Amino acid sequence: QVQLVESGGGLVQPGGSLILSCAATGTIISIYAMGWYRQAPGKQRELVAILTSGSSENYADSVKGRFTISRANAKNTVWLRMNSLKPEDTAVYYCNADRVVVPGTSNAPGYWGQGTQVTVSS
């Protein structure tokens, strides 16, 4: 069974930094893309950053230049380095793995992590 296990998150002051990590566990053949989404109270979930299997990086305009996404060689772990954090970055951050191929099936669904709270406040 595929699971996404997140770690990190917490309370940080404005201007501070935080690193989130996410590991996709289980027997996995391939993952097309791994990324991070976030959802603030009263807001819809939005894409923060994504890294495809071809190492193509895409960032939301609001985090470009401040956040950096990276993946391990095995392509089953993803990190999000967040610098110069702002109060508006406060949200629950969700790891996502898109088009996960596992043995014995032609399906390639997506998976979500459980979410981790990031709070930027003095």
C-alpha atoms as a PDB file:
ATOM      1  CA  GLN A   1       0.000   0.000   0.000  1.00  0.00           C
ATOM      2  CA  VAL A   2       1.344   3.384  -0.970  1.00  0.00           C
ATOM      3  CA  GLN A   3       1.532   5.986   1.736  1.00  0.00           C
ATOM      4  CA  LEU A   4       2.993   9.460   1.875  1.00  0.00           C
ATOM      5  CA  VAL A   5       4.628  10.200   5.198  1.00  0.00           C
ATOM      6  CA  GLU A   6       5.280  13.846   5.967  1.00  0.00           C
ATOM      7  CA  SER A   7       7.507  15.390   8.572  1.00  0.00           C
ATOM      8  CA  GLY A   8       8.354  18.930   9.525  1.00  0.00           C
ATOM      9  CA  GLY A   9       6.057  21.833   9.996  1.00  0.00           C
ATOM     10  CA  GLY A  10       5.604  23.896  13.100  1.00  0.00           C
ATOM     11  CA  LEU A  11       5.722  27.464  14.341  1.00  0.00           C
ATOM     12  CA  VAL A  12       8.265  29.840  12.878  1.00  0.00           C
ATOM     13  CA  GLN A  13       8.791  33.595  13.035  1.00  0.00           C
ATOM     14  CA  PRO A  14       8.383  35.789   9.956  1.00  0.00           C
ATOM     15  CA  GLY A  15      11.560  35.727   7.930  1.00  0.00           C
ATOM     16  CA  GLY A  16      12.467  32.321   9.256  1.00  0.00           C
ATOM     17  CA  SER A  17      13.006  29.053   7.446  1.00  0.00           C
ATOM     18  CA  LEU A  18      11.526  25.598   7.598  1.00  0.00           C
ATOM     19  CA  ILE A  19      12.062  22.322   5.772  1.00  0.00           C
ATOM     20  CA  LEU A  20       9.275  19.870   5.025  1.00  0.00           C
ATOM     21  CA  SER A  21       9.917  16.312   3.914  1.00  0.00           C
ATOM     22  CA  CYS A  22       7.740  13.609   2.436  1.00  0.00           C
ATOM     23  CA  ALA A  23       8.514   9.969   1.706  1.00  0.00           C
ATOM     24  CA  ALA A  24       6.391   7.742  -0.503  1.00  0.00           C
ATOM     25  CA  THR A  25       6.448   4.226   0.909  1.00  0.00           C
ATOM     26  CA  GLY A  26       5.398   0.925  -0.606  1.00  0.00           C
ATOM     27  CA  THR A  27       6.375  -0.967  -3.720  1.00  0.00           C
ATOM     28  CA  ILE A  28       6.448   1.736  -6.364  1.00  0.00           C
ATOM     29  CA  ILE A  29       7.533   1.464  -9.964  1.00  0.00           C
ATOM     30  CA  SER A  30       7.437   5.129 -10.804  1.00  0.00           C
ATOM     31  CA  ILE A  31       6.023   8.484  -9.790  1.00  0.00           C
ATOM     32  CA  TYR A  32       5.455  11.103 -12.446  1.00  0.00           C
ATOM     33  CA  ALA A  33       5.572  14.072 -10.116  1.00  0.00           C
ATOM     34  CA  MET A  34       5.824  14.923  -6.462  1.00  0.00           C
ATOM     35  CA  GLY A  35       4.850  18.237  -5.023  1.00  0.00           C
ATOM     36  CA  TRP A  36       3.422  20.297  -2.235  1.00  0.00           C
ATOM     37  CA  TYR A  37       0.047  21.934  -1.865  1.00  0.00           C
ATOM     38  CA  ARG A  38      -1.271  24.107   0.915  1.00  0.00           C
ATOM     39  CA  GLN A  39      -4.639  25.117   2.255  1.00  0.00           C
ATOM     40  CA  ALA A  40      -5.202  28.099   4.498  1.00  0.00           C
ATOM     41  CA  PRO A  41      -8.367  28.485   6.590  1.00  0.00           C
ATOM     42  CA  GLY A  42     -11.265  29.504   4.392  1.00  0.00           C
ATOM     43  CA  LYS A  43      -9.223  29.056   1.230  1.00  0.00           C
ATOM     44  CA  GLN A  44      -9.052  26.354  -1.393  1.00  0.00           C
ATOM     45  CA  ARG A  45      -6.076  24.077  -1.703  1.00  0.00           C
ATOM     46  CA  GLU A  46      -3.408  25.491  -3.990  1.00  0.00           C
ATOM     47  CA  LEU A  47      -0.285  24.138  -5.592  1.00  0.00           C
ATOM     48  CA  VAL A  48       2.911  25.419  -4.016  1.00  0.00           C
ATOM     49  CA  ALA A  49       5.629  23.568  -5.901  1.00  0.00           C
ATOM     50  CA  ILE A  50       5.959  20.466  -8.027  1.00  0.00           C
ATOM     51  CA  LEU A  51       8.873  18.459  -9.384  1.00  0.00           C
ATOM     52  CA  THR A  52       8.300  16.046 -12.251  1.00  0.00           C
ATOM     53  CA  SER A  53      10.182  12.870 -13.064  1.00  0.00           C
ATOM     54  CA  GLY A  54      12.019  14.872 -15.694  1.00  0.00           C
ATOM     55  CA  SER A  55      13.278  17.259 -12.996  1.00  0.00           C
ATOM     56  CA  SER A  56      11.065  20.091 -14.173  1.00  0.00           C
ATOM     57  CA  GLU A  57      10.293  22.480 -11.331  1.00  0.00           C
ATOM     58  CA  ASN A  58       7.240  24.690 -11.082  1.00  0.00           C
ATOM     59  CA  TYR A  59       6.407  27.128  -8.306  1.00  0.00           C
ATOM     60  CA  ALA A  60       3.485  29.284  -7.400  1.00  0.00           C
ATOM     61  CA  ASP A  61       4.237  32.933  -8.027  1.00  0.00           C
ATOM     62  CA  SER A  62       3.728  33.701  -4.359  1.00  0.00           C
ATOM     63  CA  VAL A  63       6.608  31.453  -3.290  1.00  0.00           C
ATOM     64  CA  LYS A  64       8.955  31.748  -6.246  1.00  0.00           C
ATOM     65  CA  GLY A  65      12.426  32.711  -5.117  1.00  0.00           C
ATOM     66  CA  ARG A  66      11.706  31.780  -1.504  1.00  0.00           C
ATOM     67  CA  PHE A  67      10.831  28.079  -1.648  1.00  0.00           C
ATOM     68  CA  THR A  68      12.895  25.280  -3.158  1.00  0.00           C
ATOM     69  CA  ILE A  69      11.689  21.782  -3.976  1.00  0.00           C
ATOM     70  CA  SER A  70      14.015  18.813  -4.317  1.00  0.00           C
ATOM     71  CA  ARG A  71      13.848  15.026  -4.636  1.00  0.00           C
ATOM     72  CA  ALA A  72      16.066  12.123  -3.639  1.00  0.00           C
ATOM     73  CA  ASN A  73      17.809   9.919  -6.172  1.00  0.00           C
ATOM     74  CA  ALA A  74      15.237   7.190  -5.616  1.00  0.00           C
ATOM     75  CA  LYS A  75      12.498   9.665  -6.624  1.00  0.00           C
ATOM     76  CA  ASN A  76      10.340   8.646  -3.692  1.00  0.00           C
ATOM     77  CA  THR A  77      11.233  11.431  -1.295  1.00  0.00           C
ATOM     78  CA  VAL A  78      10.602  15.122  -1.717  1.00  0.00           C
ATOM     79  CA  TRP A  79      11.615  18.130   0.366  1.00  0.00           C
ATOM     80  CA  LEU A  80      10.409  21.691   0.463  1.00  0.00           C
ATOM     81  CA  ARG A  81      12.809  24.301   1.777  1.00  0.00           C
ATOM     82  CA  MET A  82      10.931  27.431   2.774  1.00  0.00           C
ATOM     83  CA  ASN A  83      12.895  30.623   3.323  1.00  0.00           C
ATOM     84  CA  SER A  84      11.809  34.161   4.154  1.00  0.00           C
ATOM     85  CA  LEU A  85       8.516  32.907   5.486  1.00  0.00           C
ATOM     86  CA  LYS A  86       5.592  35.296   5.693  1.00  0.00           C
ATOM     87  CA  PRO A  87       2.417  35.154   7.772  1.00  0.00           C
ATOM     88  CA  GLU A  88       0.459  34.517   4.587  1.00  0.00           C
ATOM     89  CA  ASP A  89       2.378  31.263   4.199  1.00  0.00           C
ATOM     90  CA  THR A  90       0.465  29.918   7.184  1.00  0.00           C
ATOM     91  CA  ALA A  91      -1.452  26.854   6.039  1.00  0.00           C
ATOM     92  CA  VAL A  92      -1.676  23.109   6.192  1.00  0.00           C
ATOM     93  CA  TYR A  93       0.846  21.762   3.723  1.00  0.00           C
ATOM     94  CA  TYR A  94       0.083  18.529   1.880  1.00  0.00           C
ATOM     95  CA  CYS A  95       2.510  16.320   0.031  1.00  0.00           C
ATOM     96  CA  ASN A  96       1.248  14.894  -3.249  1.00  0.00           C
ATOM     97  CA  ALA A  97       2.479  12.127  -5.513  1.00  0.00           C
ATOM     98  CA  ASP A  98       0.945  12.147  -8.970  1.00  0.00           C
ATOM     99  CA  ARG A  99       0.485   9.132 -11.234  1.00  0.00           C
ATOM    100  CA  VAL A 100       1.991   6.522  -8.961  1.00  0.00           C
ATOM    101  CA  VAL A 101       2.578   3.235 -10.795  1.00  0.00           C
ATOM    102  CA  VAL A 102       2.639   0.067  -8.690  1.00  0.00           C
ATOM    103  CA  PRO A 103       3.086  -3.591  -9.750  1.00  0.00           C
ATOM    104  CA  GLY A 104       0.076  -5.537 -10.956  1.00  0.00           C
ATOM    105  CA  THR A 105      -2.190  -2.725 -12.071  1.00  0.00           C
ATOM    106  CA  SER A 106      -2.584  -0.323 -14.947  1.00  0.00           C
ATOM    107  CA  ASN A 107      -3.966   2.355 -12.668  1.00  0.00           C
ATOM    108  CA  ALA A 108      -1.783   5.275 -11.722  1.00  0.00           C
ATOM    109  CA  PRO A 109      -3.635   7.261  -9.085  1.00  0.00           C
ATOM    110  CA  GLY A 110      -2.451  10.141  -7.005  1.00  0.00           C
ATOM    111  CA  TYR A 111      -1.805  10.060  -3.278  1.00  0.00           C
ATOM    112  CA  TRP A 112      -1.905  12.660  -0.545  1.00  0.00           C
ATOM    113  CA  GLY A 113      -0.028  13.022   2.669  1.00  0.00           C
ATOM    114  CA  GLN A 114      -1.807  13.676   5.933  1.00  0.00           C
ATOM    115  CA  GLY A 115      -0.900  17.346   6.001  1.00  0.00           C
ATOM    116  CA  THR A 116       1.402  19.266   8.294  1.00  0.00           C
ATOM    117  CA  GLN A 117       0.680  22.632   9.869  1.00  0.00           C
ATOM    118  CA  VAL A 118       2.978  25.551   9.132  1.00  0.00           C
ATOM    119  CA  THR A 119       2.329  28.649  11.198  1.00  0.00           C
ATOM    120  CA  VAL A 120       4.286  31.846  10.590  1.00  0.00           C
ATOM    121  CA  SER A 121       3.782  34.245  13.458  1.00  0.00           C
ATOM    122  CA  SER A 122       5.637  36.338  15.981  1.00  0.00           C
END
